[in-house]
C-alpha atoms as a PDB file:
ATOM      1  CA  UNK A   1     180.610 -28.283  88.028  1.00  0.00           C
ATOM      2  CA  UNK A   2     179.329 -25.180  89.804  1.00  0.00           C
ATOM      3  CA  UNK A   3     178.768 -23.529  86.446  1.00  0.00           C
ATOM      4  CA  UNK A   4     176.759 -26.522  85.243  1.00  0.00           C
ATOM      5  CA  UNK A   5     174.545 -26.372  88.337  1.00  0.00           C
ATOM      6  CA  UNK A   6     174.014 -22.646  87.797  1.00  0.00           C
ATOM      7  CA  UNK A   7     173.099 -23.187  84.143  1.00  0.00           C
ATOM      8  CA  UNK A   8     170.710 -25.972  85.144  1.00  0.00           C
ATOM      9  CA  UNK A   9     168.979 -23.683  87.638  1.00  0.00           C
ATOM     10  CA  UNK A  10     168.602 -21.026  84.963  1.00  0.00           C
ATOM     11  CA  UNK A  11     167.118 -23.540  82.504  1.00  0.00           C
ATOM     12  CA  UNK A  12     164.650 -24.841  85.122  1.00  0.00           C
ATOM     13  CA  UNK A  13     163.631 -21.276  85.992  1.00  0.00           C
ATOM     14  CA  UNK A  14     163.029 -20.443  82.328  1.00  0.00           C
ATOM     15  CA  UNK A  15     160.959 -23.607  81.809  1.00  0.00           C
ATOM     16  CA  UNK A  16     158.822 -22.905  84.874  1.00  0.00           C
ATOM     17  CA  UNK A  17     158.390 -19.262  83.902  1.00  0.00           C
ATOM     18  CA  UNK A  18     157.317 -20.119  80.371  1.00  0.00           C
ATOM     19  CA  UNK A  19     154.942 -22.889  81.496  1.00  0.00           C
ATOM     20  CA  UNK A  20     153.231 -20.563  83.988  1.00  0.00           C
ATOM     21  CA  UNK A  21     152.920 -17.846  81.379  1.00  0.00           C
ATOM     22  CA  UNK A  22     151.535 -20.156  78.714  1.00  0.00           C
ATOM     23  CA  UNK A  23     148.966 -21.669  81.111  1.00  0.00           C
ATOM     24  CA  UNK A  24     146.654 -18.665  80.766  1.00  0.00           C
ATOM     25  CA  UNK A  25     147.991 -16.832  77.736  1.00  0.00           C
ATOM     26  CA  UNK A  26     146.449 -19.214  75.222  1.00  0.00           C
ATOM     27  CA  UNK A  27     142.787 -20.263  75.118  1.00  0.00           C
ATOM     28  CA  UNK A  28     140.366 -20.379  78.035  1.00  0.00           C
ATOM     29  CA  UNK A  29     137.509 -22.800  77.374  1.00  0.00           C
ATOM     30  CA  UNK A  30     134.282 -21.413  78.811  1.00  0.00           C
ATOM     31  CA  UNK A  31     131.017 -23.264  79.416  1.00  0.00           C
ATOM     32  CA  UNK A  32     127.833 -21.242  78.807  1.00  0.00           C
ATOM     33  CA  UNK A  33     124.164 -21.879  78.167  1.00  0.00           C
ATOM     34  CA  UNK A  34     123.144 -21.746  74.508  1.00  0.00           C
ATOM     35  CA  UNK A  35     120.026 -19.680  75.211  1.00  0.00           C
ATOM     36  CA  UNK A  36     119.752 -17.764  78.456  1.00  0.00           C
ATOM     37  CA  UNK A  37     119.197 -14.105  77.549  1.00  0.00           C
ATOM     38  CA  UNK A  38     120.415 -11.612  78.522  1.00  0.00           C
ATOM     39  CA  UNK A  39     123.330 -13.679  79.888  1.00  0.00           C
ATOM     40  CA  UNK A  40     124.263 -15.785  76.875  1.00  0.00           C
ATOM     41  CA  UNK A  41     122.781 -16.652  73.490  1.00  0.00           C
ATOM     42  CA  UNK A  42     124.051 -18.262  70.308  1.00  0.00           C
ATOM     43  CA  UNK A  43     123.463 -16.288  67.124  1.00  0.00           C
ATOM     44  CA  UNK A  44     121.065 -17.611  64.506  1.00  0.00           C
ATOM     45  CA  UNK A  45     123.920 -18.479  62.173  1.00  0.00           C
ATOM     46  CA  UNK A  46     125.642 -20.199  65.145  1.00  0.00           C
ATOM     47  CA  UNK A  47     128.841 -18.275  64.445  1.00  0.00           C
ATOM     48  CA  UNK A  48     129.133 -16.336  67.680  1.00  0.00           C
ATOM     49  CA  UNK A  49     127.773 -15.890  71.192  1.00  0.00           C
ATOM     50  CA  UNK A  50     126.493 -12.681  72.721  1.00  0.00           C
ATOM     51  CA  UNK A  51     125.162 -11.521  76.079  1.00  0.00           C
ATOM     52  CA  UNK A  52     126.289 -10.171  79.430  1.00  0.00           C
ATOM     53  CA  UNK A  53     128.446 -13.097  80.530  1.00  0.00           C
ATOM     54  CA  UNK A  54     129.954 -13.361  77.028  1.00  0.00           C
ATOM     55  CA  UNK A  55     131.053  -9.711  77.032  1.00  0.00           C
ATOM     56  CA  UNK A  56     132.228 -10.030  80.627  1.00  0.00           C
ATOM     57  CA  UNK A  57     134.381 -13.090  79.905  1.00  0.00           C
ATOM     58  CA  UNK A  58     135.706 -11.625  76.659  1.00  0.00           C
ATOM     59  CA  UNK A  59     136.960  -8.622  78.629  1.00  0.00           C
ATOM     60  CA  UNK A  60     138.506 -10.902  81.264  1.00  0.00           C
ATOM     61  CA  UNK A  61     140.245 -12.970  78.570  1.00  0.00           C
ATOM     62  CA  UNK A  62     141.607  -9.821  76.966  1.00  0.00           C
ATOM     63  CA  UNK A  63     143.113  -8.740  80.285  1.00  0.00           C
ATOM     64  CA  UNK A  64     144.654 -12.178  80.753  1.00  0.00           C
ATOM     65  CA  UNK A  65     146.114 -12.024  77.211  1.00  0.00           C
ATOM     66  CA  UNK A  66     144.015 -15.059  76.299  1.00  0.00           C
ATOM     67  CA  UNK A  67     141.320 -16.042  73.844  1.00  0.00           C
ATOM     68  CA  UNK A  68     137.874 -17.182  74.978  1.00  0.00           C
ATOM     69  CA  UNK A  69     136.456 -20.331  73.394  1.00  0.00           C
ATOM     70  CA  UNK A  70     132.794 -20.682  74.344  1.00  0.00           C
ATOM     71  CA  UNK A  71     131.095 -24.061  74.493  1.00  0.00           C
ATOM     72  CA  UNK A  72     127.316 -24.398  74.824  1.00  0.00           C
ATOM     73  CA  UNK A  73     126.169 -27.003  77.354  1.00  0.00           C
ATOM     74  CA  UNK A  74     123.413 -27.529  79.887  1.00  0.00           C
ATOM     75  CA  UNK A  75     124.139 -26.999  83.578  1.00  0.00           C
ATOM     76  CA  UNK A  76     124.592 -30.735  84.151  1.00  0.00           C
ATOM     77  CA  UNK A  77     126.815 -31.071  81.088  1.00  0.00           C
ATOM     78  CA  UNK A  78     129.012 -28.200  82.233  1.00  0.00           C
ATOM     79  CA  UNK A  79     129.708 -29.973  85.527  1.00  0.00           C
ATOM     80  CA  UNK A  80     130.779 -33.060  83.564  1.00  0.00           C
ATOM     81  CA  UNK A  81     132.928 -31.006  81.181  1.00  0.00           C
ATOM     82  CA  UNK A  82     134.637 -29.272  84.104  1.00  0.00           C
ATOM     83  CA  UNK A  83     135.436 -32.611  85.718  1.00  0.00           C
ATOM     84  CA  UNK A  84     136.791 -33.911  82.407  1.00  0.00           C
ATOM     85  CA  UNK A  85     138.924 -30.813  81.902  1.00  0.00           C
ATOM     86  CA  UNK A  86     137.194 -30.110  78.579  1.00  0.00           C
ATOM     87  CA  UNK A  87     136.292 -26.615  79.794  1.00  0.00           C
ATOM     88  CA  UNK A  88     138.314 -24.478  82.199  1.00  0.00           C
ATOM     89  CA  UNK A  89     135.536 -22.348  83.688  1.00  0.00           C
ATOM     90  CA  UNK A  90     131.761 -22.312  83.720  1.00  0.00           C
ATOM     91  CA  UNK A  91     129.067 -19.654  83.940  1.00  0.00           C
ATOM     92  CA  UNK A  92     126.515 -21.931  85.601  1.00  0.00           C
ATOM     93  CA  UNK A  93     123.501 -19.739  86.476  1.00  0.00           C
ATOM     94  CA  UNK A  94     123.085 -21.125  89.988  1.00  0.00           C
ATOM     95  CA  UNK A  95     123.593 -18.864  93.042  1.00  0.00           C
ATOM     96  CA  UNK A  96     126.647 -19.669  95.155  1.00  0.00           C
ATOM     97  CA  UNK A  97     125.867 -21.338  98.473  1.00  0.00           C
ATOM     98  CA  UNK A  98     128.184 -22.384 101.296  1.00  0.00           C
ATOM     99  CA  UNK A  99     127.531 -26.105 100.660  1.00  0.00           C
ATOM    100  CA  UNK A 100     128.559 -26.064  96.987  1.00  0.00           C
ATOM    101  CA  UNK A 101     132.339 -26.398  97.300  1.00  0.00           C
ATOM    102  CA  UNK A 102     133.187 -30.055  96.575  1.00  0.00           C
ATOM    103  CA  UNK A 103     135.761 -30.225  93.770  1.00  0.00           C
ATOM    104  CA  UNK A 104     135.076 -26.666  92.646  1.00  0.00           C
ATOM    105  CA  UNK A 105     136.114 -23.131  93.453  1.00  0.00           C
ATOM    106  CA  UNK A 106     134.377 -19.862  92.648  1.00  0.00           C
ATOM    107  CA  UNK A 107     135.468 -16.419  91.564  1.00  0.00           C
ATOM    108  CA  UNK A 108     134.309 -13.269  93.256  1.00  0.00           C
ATOM    109  CA  UNK A 109     130.595 -12.753  92.519  1.00  0.00           C
ATOM    110  CA  UNK A 110     130.056 -10.925  89.235  1.00  0.00           C
ATOM    111  CA  UNK A 111     126.347 -10.312  89.812  1.00  0.00           C
ATOM    112  CA  UNK A 112     123.875 -10.328  92.689  1.00  0.00           C
ATOM    113  CA  UNK A 113     121.617 -13.391  92.762  1.00  0.00           C
ATOM    114  CA  UNK A 114     117.967 -12.492  93.194  1.00  0.00           C
ATOM    115  CA  UNK A 115     114.907 -14.449  92.190  1.00  0.00           C
ATOM    116  CA  UNK A 116     111.644 -13.055  90.854  1.00  0.00           C
ATOM    117  CA  UNK A 117     108.181 -14.481  90.261  1.00  0.00           C
ATOM    118  CA  UNK A 118     106.341 -13.560  87.052  1.00  0.00           C
ATOM    119  CA  UNK A 119     102.684 -14.146  86.283  1.00  0.00           C
ATOM    120  CA  UNK A 120     100.370 -13.609  83.328  1.00  0.00           C
ATOM    121  CA  UNK A 121      96.937 -12.070  82.907  1.00  0.00           C
ATOM    122  CA  UNK A 122      94.304 -14.647  83.724  1.00  0.00           C
ATOM    123  CA  UNK A 123      96.674 -16.762  85.793  1.00  0.00           C
ATOM    124  CA  UNK A 124      94.995 -15.936  89.081  1.00  0.00           C
ATOM    125  CA  UNK A 125      98.256 -14.856  90.714  1.00  0.00           C
ATOM    126  CA  UNK A 126      98.761 -11.238  91.752  1.00  0.00           C
ATOM    127  CA  UNK A 127     100.514 -11.544  95.127  1.00  0.00           C
ATOM    128  CA  UNK A 128     103.036 -13.923  96.687  1.00  0.00           C
ATOM    129  CA  UNK A 129     100.251 -15.297  98.887  1.00  0.00           C
ATOM    130  CA  UNK A 130      98.379 -16.466  95.762  1.00  0.00           C
ATOM    131  CA  UNK A 131     101.222 -18.765  94.704  1.00  0.00           C
ATOM    132  CA  UNK A 132     100.463 -21.566  97.183  1.00  0.00           C
ATOM    133  CA  UNK A 133      97.457 -22.810  95.242  1.00  0.00           C
ATOM    134  CA  UNK A 134      98.855 -22.400  91.743  1.00  0.00           C
ATOM    135  CA  UNK A 135     101.294 -24.192  89.467  1.00  0.00           C
ATOM    136  CA  UNK A 136     104.707 -22.536  89.344  1.00  0.00           C
ATOM    137  CA  UNK A 137     107.330 -23.250  86.687  1.00  0.00           C
ATOM    138  CA  UNK A 138     111.094 -23.182  87.160  1.00  0.00           C
ATOM    139  CA  UNK A 139     114.180 -24.276  85.236  1.00  0.00           C
ATOM    140  CA  UNK A 140     115.258 -27.736  86.353  1.00  0.00           C
ATOM    141  CA  UNK A 141     118.983 -27.196  86.878  1.00  0.00           C
ATOM    142  CA  UNK A 142     119.084 -23.593  88.048  1.00  0.00           C
ATOM    143  CA  UNK A 143     116.618 -22.314  90.639  1.00  0.00           C
ATOM    144  CA  UNK A 144     114.614 -25.490  91.326  1.00  0.00           C
ATOM    145  CA  UNK A 145     116.326 -26.284  94.630  1.00  0.00           C
ATOM    146  CA  UNK A 146     115.927 -22.661  95.741  1.00  0.00           C
ATOM    147  CA  UNK A 147     112.222 -22.713  94.949  1.00  0.00           C
ATOM    148  CA  UNK A 148     111.842 -26.076  96.679  1.00  0.00           C
ATOM    149  CA  UNK A 149     113.097 -24.567  99.949  1.00  0.00           C
ATOM    150  CA  UNK A 150     111.014 -21.413  99.690  1.00  0.00           C
ATOM    151  CA  UNK A 151     107.839 -20.783 101.702  1.00  0.00           C
ATOM    152  CA  UNK A 152     105.938 -19.406  98.729  1.00  0.00           C
ATOM    153  CA  UNK A 153     104.892 -22.506  96.803  1.00  0.00           C
ATOM    154  CA  UNK A 154     103.561 -26.009  97.401  1.00  0.00           C
ATOM    155  CA  UNK A 155     106.065 -28.702  96.414  1.00  0.00           C
ATOM    156  CA  UNK A 156     103.458 -30.626  94.426  1.00  0.00           C
ATOM    157  CA  UNK A 157     102.686 -27.496  92.394  1.00  0.00           C
ATOM    158  CA  UNK A 158     106.233 -27.001  91.089  1.00  0.00           C
ATOM    159  CA  UNK A 159     106.768 -27.894  87.430  1.00  0.00           C
ATOM    160  CA  UNK A 160     110.303 -28.198  86.049  1.00  0.00           C
ATOM    161  CA  UNK A 161     111.453 -27.249  82.552  1.00  0.00           C
ATOM    162  CA  UNK A 162     114.767 -27.867  80.828  1.00  0.00           C
ATOM    163  CA  UNK A 163     115.021 -24.733  78.671  1.00  0.00           C
ATOM    164  CA  UNK A 164     113.809 -21.197  79.220  1.00  0.00           C
ATOM    165  CA  UNK A 165     111.774 -21.060  76.003  1.00  0.00           C
ATOM    166  CA  UNK A 166     109.611 -23.958  77.254  1.00  0.00           C
ATOM    167  CA  UNK A 167     109.271 -22.234  80.631  1.00  0.00           C
ATOM    168  CA  UNK A 168     108.037 -18.990  79.067  1.00  0.00           C
ATOM    169  CA  UNK A 169     105.711 -20.876  76.699  1.00  0.00           C
ATOM    170  CA  UNK A 170     104.208 -22.763  79.665  1.00  0.00           C
ATOM    171  CA  UNK A 171     103.335 -19.448  81.296  1.00  0.00           C
ATOM    172  CA  UNK A 172     101.855 -18.038  78.105  1.00  0.00           C
ATOM    173  CA  UNK A 173      99.571 -21.030  77.509  1.00  0.00           C
ATOM    174  CA  UNK A 174      98.587 -21.286  81.211  1.00  0.00           C
ATOM    175  CA  UNK A 175     100.268 -24.623  81.772  1.00  0.00           C
ATOM    176  CA  UNK A 176     101.641 -22.831  84.836  1.00  0.00           C
ATOM    177  CA  UNK A 177     100.295 -19.705  86.516  1.00  0.00           C
ATOM    178  CA  UNK A 178     103.655 -18.210  87.459  1.00  0.00           C
ATOM    179  CA  UNK A 179     107.352 -18.822  86.869  1.00  0.00           C
ATOM    180  CA  UNK A 180     110.428 -18.217  89.023  1.00  0.00           C
ATOM    181  CA  UNK A 181     113.572 -16.869  87.361  1.00  0.00           C
ATOM    182  CA  UNK A 182     116.550 -14.621  88.022  1.00  0.00           C
ATOM    183  CA  UNK A 183     115.335 -11.037  88.460  1.00  0.00           C
ATOM    184  CA  UNK A 184     117.434  -9.739  85.542  1.00  0.00           C
ATOM    185  CA  UNK A 185     116.019 -12.481  83.317  1.00  0.00           C
ATOM    186  CA  UNK A 186     112.537 -11.568  84.573  1.00  0.00           C
ATOM    187  CA  UNK A 187     112.879  -7.995  83.344  1.00  0.00           C
ATOM    188  CA  UNK A 188     114.216  -9.209  80.009  1.00  0.00           C
ATOM    189  CA  UNK A 189     111.263 -11.595  79.597  1.00  0.00           C
ATOM    190  CA  UNK A 190     108.703  -8.905  80.417  1.00  0.00           C
ATOM    191  CA  UNK A 191     110.306  -6.378  78.068  1.00  0.00           C
ATOM    192  CA  UNK A 192     110.201  -8.898  75.207  1.00  0.00           C
ATOM    193  CA  UNK A 193     106.959 -10.726  75.999  1.00  0.00           C
ATOM    194  CA  UNK A 194     104.089 -11.301  73.585  1.00  0.00           C
ATOM    195  CA  UNK A 195     101.622 -11.815  76.442  1.00  0.00           C
ATOM    196  CA  UNK A 196     100.962  -9.306  79.203  1.00  0.00           C
ATOM    197  CA  UNK A 197     103.287 -10.465  81.968  1.00  0.00           C
ATOM    198  CA  UNK A 198     103.988  -8.786  85.280  1.00  0.00           C
ATOM    199  CA  UNK A 199     106.199  -9.155  88.348  1.00  0.00           C
ATOM    200  CA  UNK A 200     104.732 -10.766  91.445  1.00  0.00           C
ATOM    201  CA  UNK A 201     106.084  -9.350  94.699  1.00  0.00           C
ATOM    202  CA  UNK A 202     109.581  -7.983  95.152  1.00  0.00           C
ATOM    203  CA  UNK A 203     112.780  -9.680  94.100  1.00  0.00           C
ATOM    204  CA  UNK A 204     113.933 -12.370  96.514  1.00  0.00           C
ATOM    205  CA  UNK A 205     117.570 -12.555  97.627  1.00  0.00           C
ATOM    206  CA  UNK A 206     119.110 -16.011  97.307  1.00  0.00           C
ATOM    207  CA  UNK A 207     122.606 -17.367  97.702  1.00  0.00           C
ATOM    208  CA  UNK A 208     125.771 -15.275  97.623  1.00  0.00           C
ATOM    209  CA  UNK A 209     125.723 -14.080  94.040  1.00  0.00           C
ATOM    210  CA  UNK A 210     126.638 -15.559  90.661  1.00  0.00           C
ATOM    211  CA  UNK A 211     130.277 -16.491  90.128  1.00  0.00           C
ATOM    212  CA  UNK A 212     132.583 -18.125  87.598  1.00  0.00           C
ATOM    213  CA  UNK A 213     133.262 -21.736  88.570  1.00  0.00           C
ATOM    214  CA  UNK A 214     136.341 -23.902  88.022  1.00  0.00           C
ATOM    215  CA  UNK A 215     137.942 -27.053  89.366  1.00  0.00           C
ATOM    216  CA  UNK A 216     140.238 -26.613  92.349  1.00  0.00           C
ATOM    217  CA  UNK A 217     143.284 -27.351  90.200  1.00  0.00           C
ATOM    218  CA  UNK A 218     142.571 -24.074  88.374  1.00  0.00           C
ATOM    219  CA  UNK A 219     143.103 -21.911  91.468  1.00  0.00           C
ATOM    220  CA  UNK A 220     145.661 -19.704  89.698  1.00  0.00           C
ATOM    221  CA  UNK A 221     143.227 -18.993  86.876  1.00  0.00           C
ATOM    222  CA  UNK A 222     140.473 -18.016  89.322  1.00  0.00           C
ATOM    223  CA  UNK A 223     142.923 -15.703  91.134  1.00  0.00           C
ATOM    224  CA  UNK A 224     143.700 -13.982  87.833  1.00  0.00           C
ATOM    225  CA  UNK A 225     139.989 -13.740  86.994  1.00  0.00           C
ATOM    226  CA  UNK A 226     139.345 -12.185  90.414  1.00  0.00           C
ATOM    227  CA  UNK A 227     142.022  -9.576  89.808  1.00  0.00           C
ATOM    228  CA  UNK A 228     140.546  -8.819  86.386  1.00  0.00           C
ATOM    229  CA  UNK A 229     137.077  -8.379  87.921  1.00  0.00           C
ATOM    230  CA  UNK A 230     138.469  -6.005  90.558  1.00  0.00           C
ATOM    231  CA  UNK A 231     140.342  -4.010  87.911  1.00  0.00           C
ATOM    232  CA  UNK A 232     137.208  -3.830  85.743  1.00  0.00           C
ATOM    233  CA  UNK A 233     135.187  -2.521  88.662  1.00  0.00           C
ATOM    234  CA  UNK A 234     137.877   0.053  89.405  1.00  0.00           C
ATOM    235  CA  UNK A 235     138.226   1.409  85.858  1.00  0.00           C
ATOM    236  CA  UNK A 236     134.507   1.381  85.022  1.00  0.00           C
ATOM    237  CA  UNK A 237     134.630  -1.432  82.451  1.00  0.00           C
ATOM    238  CA  UNK A 238     132.338  -3.684  84.471  1.00  0.00           C
ATOM    239  CA  UNK A 239     129.705  -0.946  84.815  1.00  0.00           C
ATOM    240  CA  UNK A 240     129.748  -0.282  81.072  1.00  0.00           C
ATOM    241  CA  UNK A 241     129.117  -3.964  80.341  1.00  0.00           C
ATOM    242  CA  UNK A 242     126.452  -4.174  83.043  1.00  0.00           C
ATOM    243  CA  UNK A 243     124.575  -1.124  81.733  1.00  0.00           C
ATOM    244  CA  UNK A 244     124.657  -2.549  78.217  1.00  0.00           C
ATOM    245  CA  UNK A 245     122.308  -5.341  79.343  1.00  0.00           C
ATOM    246  CA  UNK A 246     120.684  -4.215  82.584  1.00  0.00           C
ATOM    247  CA  UNK A 247     120.613  -0.440  82.325  1.00  0.00           C
ATOM    248  CA  UNK A 248     116.879  -0.203  81.673  1.00  0.00           C
END
């Protein structure tokens, strides 16, 4: 009888060990935006994703002995997919704030969260003080709430856009006189702009950084992601990925 109990304990241990190992040694489903350069973009042939967060997560998956499966979805859709369990983690481009917890947990920040205004020649905006009397564009599900609370713009002058291409086009055709985006995105836009665009004022700190988000039942996964991020910072892997996209 004692032998049977011992064998049973061994079997239970093996089952638990295997189930814990398999949990994050298979595929990690990752929510990303389809077009949010330089963070994430889908190739023209729609066969693969590329960008900073893609390379970052690929490296994390490699360290967790897993495969990344990226799924393009809007910010709102990613929240739904997380709640459904369709995706395991999300790279929602919204700065972490203390009131965001709810059903979700966050990794260590992987990037500082700073906002930046951009204007265009002929827009009539050259300083932060000029913004009050001009239309300012922002992406609906990312920095809108941050802009709404800021002292720089009038609420009735804020125009929301769903995708970044429409936001940039609105600035180019003077539908808005300035836009508000992440500072890294701002530099990318200016470096690839057709029109003459320029930064307005200095970058503006907001929130507590950008982080990888998951449901609270994925605490173990977030702990492993945190360790991977720390290891990547220690061995220089993070810096190499960062410089690939922001080292200009």
